[in-house]
Amino acid sequence: MNKIIAAIRRYKWFKISSFAFLGGIAGFTYYYFVGCQSGSCPITSNPFISTSYGMVIGFLFSLDKKKGKE
């Protein structure tokens, strides 16, 4: 029983980190192809900020939506 619970917890962290990683890639890709060159756009003018925003959005997509509905 403990092995099953440990596997579920590992899967949960793997899912969260995978979504955050893919979100970071999407954020950097958005910066690279669409980003603002003049520096007037606060999010897309800096690759670190756009990657961070992408990671946060990826994390939010990884959260369970059905958690409290049983």
N, C-alpha and C. Protein backbone atom coordinates (compact mmCIF):
# COMPACT_ATOMS: atom_id res chain seq x y z
N MET A 1 0.82 -1.20 0.00
CA MET A 1 0.00 0.00 0.00
C MET A 1 0.87 1.26 0.00
N ASN A 2 1.95 1.24 0.77
CA ASN A 2 2.84 2.40 0.82
C ASN A 2 3.52 2.65 -0.52
N LYS A 3 3.80 1.57 -1.25
CA LYS A 3 4.44 1.74 -2.57
C LYS A 3 3.49 2.41 -3.55
N ILE A 4 2.22 2.12 -3.43
CA ILE A 4 1.23 2.73 -4.32
C ILE A 4 1.12 4.22 -4.03
N ILE A 5 1.07 4.57 -2.76
CA ILE A 5 0.98 5.98 -2.38
C ILE A 5 2.23 6.74 -2.82
N ALA A 6 3.39 6.12 -2.65
CA ALA A 6 4.64 6.76 -3.07
C ALA A 6 4.67 6.95 -4.58
N ALA A 7 4.16 5.98 -5.33
CA ALA A 7 4.13 6.10 -6.79
C ALA A 7 3.19 7.22 -7.22
N ILE A 8 2.07 7.36 -6.54
CA ILE A 8 1.12 8.44 -6.86
C ILE A 8 1.76 9.79 -6.58
N ARG A 9 2.45 9.91 -5.46
CA ARG A 9 3.10 11.18 -5.14
C ARG A 9 4.19 11.51 -6.14
N ARG A 10 4.97 10.50 -6.55
CA ARG A 10 6.01 10.74 -7.55
C ARG A 10 5.38 11.18 -8.87
N TYR A 11 4.27 10.54 -9.24
CA TYR A 11 3.60 10.90 -10.48
C TYR A 11 3.10 12.35 -10.41
N LYS A 12 2.57 12.74 -9.25
CA LYS A 12 2.07 14.10 -9.09
C LYS A 12 3.18 15.12 -9.30
N TRP A 13 4.35 14.91 -8.68
CA TRP A 13 5.47 15.84 -8.84
C TRP A 13 6.03 15.80 -10.26
N PHE A 14 6.02 14.61 -10.87
CA PHE A 14 6.48 14.51 -12.25
C PHE A 14 5.55 15.29 -13.17
N LYS A 15 4.25 15.19 -12.93
CA LYS A 15 3.28 15.92 -13.74
C LYS A 15 3.45 17.42 -13.58
N ILE A 16 3.59 17.89 -12.34
CA ILE A 16 3.75 19.32 -12.08
C ILE A 16 5.02 19.85 -12.73
N SER A 17 6.13 19.14 -12.55
CA SER A 17 7.39 19.62 -13.10
C SER A 17 7.39 19.55 -14.63
N SER A 18 6.73 18.55 -15.20
CA SER A 18 6.66 18.46 -16.66
C SER A 18 5.87 19.62 -17.25
N PHE A 19 4.73 19.92 -16.64
CA PHE A 19 3.93 21.03 -17.13
C PHE A 19 4.67 22.36 -16.97
N ALA A 20 5.36 22.54 -15.85
CA ALA A 20 6.12 23.78 -15.64
C ALA A 20 7.26 23.89 -16.66
N PHE A 21 7.93 22.78 -16.94
CA PHE A 21 9.02 22.79 -17.92
C PHE A 21 8.49 23.13 -19.32
N LEU A 22 7.39 22.50 -19.70
CA LEU A 22 6.81 22.77 -21.02
C LEU A 22 6.29 24.21 -21.10
N GLY A 23 5.76 24.72 -20.00
CA GLY A 23 5.33 26.11 -19.97
C GLY A 23 6.50 27.07 -20.12
N GLY A 24 7.64 26.72 -19.50
CA GLY A 24 8.84 27.54 -19.65
C GLY A 24 9.33 27.55 -21.08
N ILE A 25 9.28 26.41 -21.73
CA ILE A 25 9.66 26.34 -23.14
C ILE A 25 8.72 27.18 -23.99
N ALA A 26 7.43 27.10 -23.69
CA ALA A 26 6.45 27.91 -24.44
C ALA A 26 6.67 29.40 -24.20
N GLY A 27 6.99 29.78 -22.97
CA GLY A 27 7.25 31.19 -22.68
C GLY A 27 8.48 31.71 -23.40
N PHE A 28 9.55 30.92 -23.43
CA PHE A 28 10.74 31.34 -24.14
C PHE A 28 10.50 31.39 -25.64
N THR A 29 9.74 30.43 -26.16
CA THR A 29 9.41 30.43 -27.58
C THR A 29 8.61 31.66 -27.96
N TYR A 30 7.68 32.04 -27.08
CA TYR A 30 6.90 33.25 -27.32
C TYR A 30 7.81 34.48 -27.33
N TYR A 31 8.75 34.53 -26.39
CA TYR A 31 9.71 35.65 -26.38
C TYR A 31 10.52 35.68 -27.67
N TYR A 32 10.98 34.52 -28.11
CA TYR A 32 11.88 34.45 -29.25
C TYR A 32 11.18 34.86 -30.55
N PHE A 33 9.96 34.39 -30.76
CA PHE A 33 9.28 34.65 -32.03
C PHE A 33 8.39 35.89 -32.01
N VAL A 34 7.82 36.25 -30.88
CA VAL A 34 6.87 37.35 -30.83
C VAL A 34 7.41 38.52 -30.02
N GLY A 35 8.38 38.30 -29.19
CA GLY A 35 8.86 39.28 -28.22
C GLY A 35 9.09 40.68 -28.75
N CYS A 36 9.04 41.60 -27.86
CA CYS A 36 9.14 43.03 -28.16
C CYS A 36 10.63 43.42 -28.14
N GLN A 37 11.12 44.04 -29.20
CA GLN A 37 12.52 44.42 -29.29
C GLN A 37 12.80 45.80 -28.70
N SER A 38 11.79 46.64 -28.60
CA SER A 38 12.02 48.00 -28.13
C SER A 38 12.20 48.08 -26.61
N GLY A 39 11.74 47.08 -25.88
CA GLY A 39 11.86 47.10 -24.44
C GLY A 39 10.68 47.72 -23.74
N SER A 40 9.66 48.12 -24.48
CA SER A 40 8.50 48.76 -23.86
C SER A 40 7.49 47.74 -23.33
N CYS A 41 7.61 46.50 -23.75
CA CYS A 41 6.70 45.44 -23.29
C CYS A 41 7.33 44.79 -22.05
N PRO A 42 6.71 44.87 -20.89
CA PRO A 42 7.36 44.38 -19.67
C PRO A 42 7.54 42.87 -19.61
N ILE A 43 6.67 42.11 -20.25
CA ILE A 43 6.79 40.65 -20.16
C ILE A 43 7.61 40.09 -21.30
N THR A 44 7.33 40.49 -22.51
CA THR A 44 7.96 39.86 -23.66
C THR A 44 9.31 40.47 -24.05
N SER A 45 9.77 41.52 -23.38
CA SER A 45 11.06 42.09 -23.75
C SER A 45 12.22 41.41 -23.03
N ASN A 46 11.94 40.61 -22.01
CA ASN A 46 12.97 39.94 -21.23
C ASN A 46 12.74 38.43 -21.27
N PRO A 47 13.71 37.63 -21.69
CA PRO A 47 13.48 36.18 -21.78
C PRO A 47 13.26 35.52 -20.43
N PHE A 48 13.87 36.04 -19.37
CA PHE A 48 13.69 35.43 -18.06
C PHE A 48 12.27 35.63 -17.54
N ILE A 49 11.72 36.80 -17.78
CA ILE A 49 10.36 37.07 -17.31
C ILE A 49 9.34 36.27 -18.11
N SER A 50 9.48 36.21 -19.42
CA SER A 50 8.51 35.47 -20.22
C SER A 50 8.60 33.97 -19.94
N THR A 51 9.81 33.46 -19.69
CA THR A 51 9.96 32.06 -19.33
C THR A 51 9.33 31.78 -17.97
N SER A 52 9.51 32.69 -17.03
CA SER A 52 8.91 32.52 -15.70
C SER A 52 7.39 32.53 -15.77
N TYR A 53 6.83 33.45 -16.54
CA TYR A 53 5.38 33.48 -16.71
C TYR A 53 4.88 32.18 -17.35
N GLY A 54 5.60 31.68 -18.32
CA GLY A 54 5.22 30.42 -18.95
C GLY A 54 5.26 29.26 -17.96
N MET A 55 6.26 29.26 -17.08
CA MET A 55 6.34 28.19 -16.07
C MET A 55 5.18 28.27 -15.09
N VAL A 56 4.81 29.48 -14.69
CA VAL A 56 3.68 29.64 -13.76
C VAL A 56 2.39 29.18 -14.41
N ILE A 57 2.18 29.52 -15.66
CA ILE A 57 0.97 29.09 -16.35
C ILE A 57 0.97 27.58 -16.55
N GLY A 58 2.13 26.99 -16.84
CA GLY A 58 2.22 25.54 -16.93
C GLY A 58 1.90 24.87 -15.60
N PHE A 59 2.38 25.46 -14.51
CA PHE A 59 2.06 24.93 -13.19
C PHE A 59 0.56 24.99 -12.92
N LEU A 60 -0.07 26.09 -13.29
CA LEU A 60 -1.51 26.22 -13.07
C LEU A 60 -2.30 25.21 -13.89
N PHE A 61 -1.84 24.89 -15.07
CA PHE A 61 -2.50 23.87 -15.88
C PHE A 61 -2.35 22.47 -15.28
N SER A 62 -1.31 22.26 -14.48
CA SER A 62 -1.08 20.93 -13.92
C SER A 62 -1.93 20.63 -12.70
N LEU A 63 -2.55 21.63 -12.12
CA LEU A 63 -3.34 21.43 -10.91
C LEU A 63 -4.62 20.66 -11.22
N ASP A 64 -5.05 19.84 -10.27
CA ASP A 64 -6.27 19.08 -10.44
C ASP A 64 -7.48 19.99 -10.25
N LYS A 65 -8.42 19.87 -11.15
CA LYS A 65 -9.62 20.70 -11.06
C LYS A 65 -10.73 20.00 -10.29
N LYS A 66 -10.65 18.69 -10.11
CA LYS A 66 -11.71 17.92 -9.49
C LYS A 66 -11.41 17.56 -8.04
N LYS A 67 -10.49 18.23 -7.41
CA LYS A 67 -10.01 17.82 -6.11
C LYS A 67 -11.09 17.81 -5.02
N GLY A 68 -11.92 18.80 -4.93
CA GLY A 68 -12.90 18.89 -3.86
C GLY A 68 -14.26 18.30 -4.20
N LYS A 69 -14.43 17.73 -5.36
CA LYS A 69 -15.74 17.23 -5.80
C LYS A 69 -15.76 15.70 -5.74
N GLU A 70 -16.14 15.18 -4.62
CA GLU A 70 -16.23 13.71 -4.49
C GLU A 70 -17.61 13.26 -4.10
